Amino acid sequence: MKDITIGQYYPADSILHRLDPRVKLFGTLIMLISLFVSNNFLNYILITVVLITLIKLSKVPFKMLMRGLKGIIIILLISVIFTMFLTPGSTLIKVGFIKITRYGLKKACYLAIRLVYLVISTSIMTLTTTPNDLADGLEKSFSLLSKVGVPVHEMAMMMSIALRFIPILMEETEKITMAQKARGARFDDGNIIKKAKSMVPILVPLFMSAIRRALDLADAMEARCYNGGKGRTKMKPLKYSKKDYSAYVLILVYFVAIIALSFIIGRTEELEILMVRR
């Protein structure tokens, strides 16, 4: 549970910490789009350089970012194995009915890189942005939707509360697990079914604690006459500065470079295929 980095904030005095949350949300969106648009080795080299630069600028310990990858190891292995074995193409390795194709191996490598970089890029955003700033950034970014009846403020508030609850629930889970172990509970013995049943003494009190905290929070908000975002003001309203505009320009330059590399290398590969066919 300690390895989950989503929802945690790492306090530091860095350029990324001082950026407007709207800039970081936009940059994360562009990073995610570029990961799924990229289809060649040069694109991933550029993305790697950008991510390394962001990690250096954020002043977040590299080990803390790597801890977040432990939670997706199973998903990563399953995705890579299925992609490697089930993708058609020219055979590279064949052992019995198991066949690994050249295109499948390439696609599996790209998929692994995408998943790892996806977790790292989103972790950088959450580790350098407080939940309050993140909620304000979301509300400001989608403020136009509120004019057509979309409850933007309520959605941003829900996300902010959810992010705040993640570290609280992790700590609660650790306490319940240690308490059950002190009572003689065993969570590592038996088959999968027994292991699943052994999680019941943890999940039941955890859900009860989460519901109790949610009810207490709702009562506190009602006692303070909280009624949504209409007419409410901010103690620290978001304002763009010169560094935010400069960051927008760099993000757009990065995205144009990704698109240009994808288009140029894609056209080059098509020409090579046509030349081989002729």
Protein backbone atom coordinates (compact mmCIF):
# COMPACT_ATOMS: atom_id res chain seq x y z
CA MET A 1 0.00 0.00 0.00
CA LYS A 2 2.92 2.34 0.65
CA ASP A 3 3.98 1.95 -2.98
CA ILE A 4 0.87 3.74 -4.32
CA THR A 5 1.93 7.25 -5.36
CA ILE A 6 -1.35 8.43 -6.95
CA GLY A 7 -2.99 11.03 -4.74
CA GLN A 8 0.16 11.76 -2.75
CA TYR A 9 1.83 15.16 -2.74
CA TYR A 10 5.58 15.65 -2.37
CA PRO A 11 6.38 19.15 -1.04
CA ALA A 12 9.38 20.77 -2.72
CA ASP A 13 10.45 24.10 -4.18
CA SER A 14 10.67 23.36 -7.88
CA ILE A 15 9.60 24.89 -11.17
CA LEU A 16 6.90 22.26 -11.63
CA HIS A 17 5.49 22.86 -8.15
CA ARG A 18 5.13 26.58 -8.94
CA LEU A 19 3.39 26.08 -12.28
CA ASP A 20 -0.34 26.70 -12.61
CA PRO A 21 -2.28 23.41 -12.20
CA ARG A 22 -4.03 24.03 -15.53
CA VAL A 23 -0.66 23.96 -17.28
CA LYS A 24 0.22 20.65 -15.61
CA LEU A 25 -3.15 19.13 -16.50
CA PHE A 26 -2.73 20.21 -20.13
CA GLY A 27 0.85 18.93 -20.21
CA THR A 28 -0.19 15.55 -18.77
CA LEU A 29 -2.97 15.27 -21.36
CA ILE A 30 -0.51 16.02 -24.18
CA MET A 31 1.93 13.47 -22.74
CA LEU A 32 -0.75 10.76 -22.67
CA ILE A 33 -1.81 11.56 -26.24
CA SER A 34 1.80 11.50 -27.44
CA LEU A 35 2.37 8.08 -25.82
CA PHE A 36 -0.46 6.52 -27.84
CA VAL A 37 0.32 8.45 -31.03
CA SER A 38 4.00 7.44 -31.05
CA ASN A 39 4.82 4.49 -33.29
CA ASN A 40 8.61 4.60 -33.69
CA PHE A 41 11.83 4.46 -31.72
CA LEU A 42 12.76 8.14 -32.16
CA ASN A 43 9.48 9.28 -30.63
CA TYR A 44 10.12 7.23 -27.50
CA ILE A 45 13.65 8.60 -27.24
CA LEU A 46 12.21 12.13 -27.30
CA ILE A 47 9.56 11.19 -24.68
CA THR A 48 12.25 9.61 -22.50
CA VAL A 49 14.38 12.76 -22.63
CA VAL A 50 11.36 14.92 -21.75
CA LEU A 51 10.38 12.67 -18.82
CA ILE A 52 13.94 12.63 -17.43
CA THR A 53 14.00 16.44 -17.66
CA LEU A 54 10.65 16.70 -15.85
CA ILE A 55 11.83 14.37 -13.08
CA LYS A 56 14.95 16.50 -12.59
CA LEU A 57 12.91 19.71 -12.55
CA SER A 58 10.30 18.33 -10.13
CA LYS A 59 12.93 17.45 -7.45
CA VAL A 60 10.85 14.36 -6.64
CA PRO A 61 13.05 11.37 -5.65
CA PHE A 62 13.36 8.88 -8.49
CA LYS A 63 12.75 5.98 -6.07
CA MET A 64 9.39 7.47 -5.11
CA LEU A 65 8.30 7.51 -8.77
CA MET A 66 9.51 3.95 -9.27
CA ARG A 67 7.48 2.76 -6.28
CA GLY A 68 4.33 3.60 -8.19
CA LEU A 69 5.25 1.03 -10.87
CA LYS A 70 4.96 -1.90 -8.44
CA GLY A 71 1.17 -1.68 -8.54
CA ILE A 72 1.00 -2.30 -12.31
CA ILE A 73 3.56 -5.13 -12.60
CA ILE A 74 0.87 -7.83 -12.96
CA ILE A 75 -1.12 -5.80 -15.51
CA LEU A 76 2.11 -5.00 -17.37
CA LEU A 77 3.23 -8.64 -17.56
CA ILE A 78 -0.19 -9.91 -18.69
CA SER A 79 -0.49 -7.21 -21.38
CA VAL A 80 3.05 -7.78 -22.70
CA ILE A 81 2.70 -11.60 -22.78
CA PHE A 82 -0.65 -11.57 -24.57
CA THR A 83 0.55 -8.96 -27.07
CA MET A 84 3.76 -10.88 -27.74
CA PHE A 85 2.12 -14.27 -28.30
CA LEU A 86 -1.14 -13.29 -30.03
CA THR A 87 0.05 -10.68 -32.54
CA PRO A 88 0.36 -12.07 -36.10
CA GLY A 89 3.39 -11.46 -38.30
CA SER A 90 6.68 -13.01 -39.40
CA THR A 91 7.80 -15.71 -36.95
CA LEU A 92 10.83 -14.86 -34.82
CA ILE A 93 10.75 -17.71 -32.25
CA LYS A 94 8.57 -20.83 -32.27
CA VAL A 95 8.46 -23.46 -29.52
CA GLY A 96 5.64 -25.94 -30.07
CA PHE A 97 2.38 -24.05 -30.45
CA ILE A 98 3.89 -20.90 -28.87
CA LYS A 99 4.97 -18.40 -31.49
CA ILE A 100 6.57 -14.98 -31.07
CA THR A 101 6.45 -12.72 -34.10
CA ARG A 102 8.75 -9.85 -34.91
CA TYR A 103 5.86 -7.37 -35.01
CA GLY A 104 4.43 -8.83 -31.77
CA LEU A 105 7.73 -8.34 -29.93
CA LYS A 106 7.98 -4.77 -31.18
CA LYS A 107 4.38 -4.03 -30.23
CA ALA A 108 4.85 -5.58 -26.75
CA CYS A 109 7.93 -3.41 -26.11
CA TYR A 110 6.03 -0.27 -27.11
CA LEU A 111 3.09 -1.28 -24.89
CA ALA A 112 5.36 -1.81 -21.88
CA ILE A 113 7.00 1.58 -22.39
CA ARG A 114 3.61 3.26 -22.74
CA LEU A 115 2.26 1.82 -19.50
CA VAL A 116 5.41 2.65 -17.52
CA TYR A 117 5.62 6.21 -18.88
CA LEU A 118 1.89 6.71 -18.35
CA VAL A 119 2.23 5.95 -14.62
CA ILE A 120 5.37 8.09 -14.29
CA SER A 121 3.86 11.13 -16.06
CA THR A 122 0.63 11.06 -14.03
CA SER A 123 2.61 10.53 -10.82
CA ILE A 124 4.72 13.62 -11.58
CA MET A 125 1.54 15.68 -11.90
CA THR A 126 -0.04 14.47 -8.65
CA LEU A 127 3.23 14.60 -6.68
CA THR A 128 3.81 18.24 -7.67
CA THR A 129 0.20 19.44 -7.28
CA THR A 130 -1.84 19.64 -4.09
CA PRO A 131 -5.38 18.20 -4.20
CA ASN A 132 -6.86 21.69 -3.73
CA ASP A 133 -4.86 23.11 -6.64
CA LEU A 134 -5.78 20.11 -8.77
CA ALA A 135 -9.49 20.60 -8.04
CA ASP A 136 -9.23 24.33 -8.80
CA GLY A 137 -7.39 23.60 -12.03
CA LEU A 138 -10.02 21.10 -13.16
CA GLU A 139 -12.83 23.50 -12.29
CA LYS A 140 -11.20 26.36 -14.20
CA SER A 141 -10.30 24.19 -17.20
CA PHE A 142 -13.88 22.96 -17.66
CA SER A 143 -15.65 26.12 -16.49
CA LEU A 144 -17.31 26.58 -19.89
CA LEU A 145 -19.21 23.31 -19.41
CA SER A 146 -20.96 24.75 -16.35
CA LYS A 147 -22.88 27.08 -18.67
CA VAL A 148 -24.62 24.10 -20.27
CA GLY A 149 -25.60 22.51 -16.97
CA VAL A 150 -22.57 20.31 -16.26
CA PRO A 151 -21.80 20.33 -12.47
CA VAL A 152 -18.11 21.13 -12.93
CA HIS A 153 -17.50 22.34 -9.37
CA GLU A 154 -19.14 19.27 -7.83
CA MET A 155 -17.11 16.94 -10.06
CA ALA A 156 -13.86 18.73 -9.17
CA MET A 157 -14.77 18.59 -5.48
CA MET A 158 -15.47 14.84 -5.71
CA MET A 159 -12.09 14.24 -7.36
CA SER A 160 -10.32 16.36 -4.76
CA ILE A 161 -11.96 14.44 -1.90
CA ALA A 162 -11.15 11.10 -3.57
CA LEU A 163 -7.47 12.05 -3.91
CA ARG A 164 -7.40 13.14 -0.26
CA PHE A 165 -8.93 9.84 0.84
CA ILE A 166 -6.36 7.65 -0.95
CA PRO A 167 -3.49 8.13 1.55
CA ILE A 168 -5.96 8.03 4.47
CA LEU A 169 -7.39 4.70 3.30
CA MET A 170 -3.89 3.32 2.71
CA GLU A 171 -2.93 4.16 6.27
CA GLU A 172 -6.19 2.67 7.55
CA THR A 173 -5.56 -0.53 5.60
CA GLU A 174 -2.09 -0.87 7.14
CA LYS A 175 -3.52 -0.43 10.65
CA ILE A 176 -6.30 -2.99 10.09
CA THR A 177 -3.86 -5.51 8.56
CA MET A 178 -1.45 -5.20 11.49
CA ALA A 179 -4.33 -5.52 13.96
CA GLN A 180 -5.63 -8.69 12.27
CA LYS A 181 -2.13 -10.19 12.16
CA ALA A 182 -1.77 -9.49 15.88
CA ARG A 183 -4.96 -11.54 16.37
CA GLY A 184 -3.44 -14.48 14.49
CA ALA A 185 -4.83 -13.88 10.99
CA ARG A 186 -2.80 -15.36 8.10
CA PHE A 187 -3.02 -13.76 4.67
CA ASP A 188 -0.36 -15.73 2.74
CA ASP A 189 -1.46 -19.34 3.34
CA GLY A 190 -3.65 -21.54 1.12
CA ASN A 191 -4.82 -21.27 -2.47
CA ILE A 192 -6.34 -18.28 -4.26
CA ILE A 193 -9.82 -18.88 -2.82
CA LYS A 194 -8.51 -19.05 0.76
CA LYS A 195 -6.42 -15.94 0.21
CA ALA A 196 -9.49 -14.12 -1.12
CA LYS A 197 -11.52 -15.19 1.92
CA SER A 198 -8.74 -14.05 4.25
CA MET A 199 -9.15 -10.50 2.87
CA VAL A 200 -12.71 -10.25 4.27
CA PRO A 201 -11.51 -9.29 7.80
CA ILE A 202 -9.65 -6.38 6.17
CA LEU A 203 -12.21 -5.22 3.61
CA VAL A 204 -15.25 -5.15 5.93
CA PRO A 205 -13.76 -2.79 8.56
CA LEU A 206 -12.08 -0.78 5.80
CA PHE A 207 -15.42 -0.15 4.04
CA MET A 208 -17.09 0.67 7.36
CA SER A 209 -14.32 3.14 8.19
CA ALA A 210 -14.55 4.75 4.73
CA ILE A 211 -18.35 5.12 4.98
CA ARG A 212 -18.03 6.59 8.49
CA ARG A 213 -15.46 9.12 7.31
CA ALA A 214 -17.65 10.05 4.32
CA LEU A 215 -20.68 10.61 6.59
CA ASP A 216 -18.62 12.71 8.99
CA LEU A 217 -17.33 14.81 6.10
CA ALA A 218 -20.87 15.28 4.73
CA ASP A 219 -22.13 16.36 8.16
CA ALA A 220 -19.23 18.83 8.50
CA MET A 221 -19.95 20.33 5.07
CA GLU A 222 -23.66 20.67 5.84
CA ALA A 223 -22.93 22.22 9.25
CA ARG A 224 -20.87 24.89 7.45
CA CYS A 225 -23.75 25.54 4.98
CA TYR A 226 -21.75 24.36 1.99
CA ASN A 227 -23.92 24.63 -1.12
CA GLY A 228 -21.66 24.15 -4.13
CA GLY A 229 -19.58 26.49 -6.25
CA LYS A 230 -22.18 29.01 -7.38
CA GLY A 231 -21.26 32.46 -6.06
CA ARG A 232 -18.26 31.17 -4.09
CA THR A 233 -14.95 33.00 -4.20
CA LYS A 234 -11.38 31.71 -3.91
CA MET A 235 -8.87 32.74 -1.28
CA LYS A 236 -6.09 32.10 -3.82
CA PRO A 237 -7.53 32.52 -7.34
CA LEU A 238 -5.54 30.97 -10.17
CA LYS A 239 -3.62 33.43 -12.34
CA TYR A 240 -1.27 32.76 -15.22
CA SER A 241 2.29 34.10 -15.07
CA LYS A 242 5.06 34.36 -17.67
CA LYS A 243 6.46 30.94 -16.78
CA ASP A 244 3.02 29.39 -17.38
CA TYR A 245 2.79 30.85 -20.89
CA SER A 246 6.36 29.71 -21.59
CA ALA A 247 5.39 26.20 -20.42
CA TYR A 248 2.41 26.18 -22.81
CA VAL A 249 4.73 27.07 -25.69
CA LEU A 250 7.17 24.28 -24.79
CA ILE A 251 4.32 21.75 -24.53
CA LEU A 252 3.02 22.70 -27.98
CA VAL A 253 6.54 22.52 -29.48
CA TYR A 254 6.96 19.05 -27.96
CA PHE A 255 3.61 17.87 -29.36
CA VAL A 256 4.37 19.22 -32.85
CA ALA A 257 7.73 17.42 -32.78
CA ILE A 258 6.01 14.13 -31.82
CA ILE A 259 3.43 14.45 -34.59
CA ALA A 260 6.08 15.43 -37.16
CA LEU A 261 8.32 12.46 -36.27
CA SER A 262 5.36 10.06 -36.41
CA PHE A 263 4.31 11.37 -39.83
CA ILE A 264 7.81 11.46 -41.38
CA ILE A 265 8.86 8.01 -40.16
CA GLY A 266 5.45 6.57 -41.03
CA ARG A 267 5.76 7.84 -44.60
CA THR A 268 9.34 6.51 -44.81
CA GLU A 269 8.20 3.02 -43.75
CA GLU A 270 5.39 3.09 -46.33
CA LEU A 271 7.86 3.99 -49.09
CA GLU A 272 10.19 1.18 -48.02
CA ILE A 273 7.32 -1.33 -48.15
CA LEU A 274 6.35 -0.13 -51.65
CA MET A 275 9.96 -0.41 -52.86
CA VAL A 276 10.19 -4.00 -51.53
CA ARG A 277 6.93 -4.99 -53.26
CA ARG A 278 8.16 -3.59 -56.57
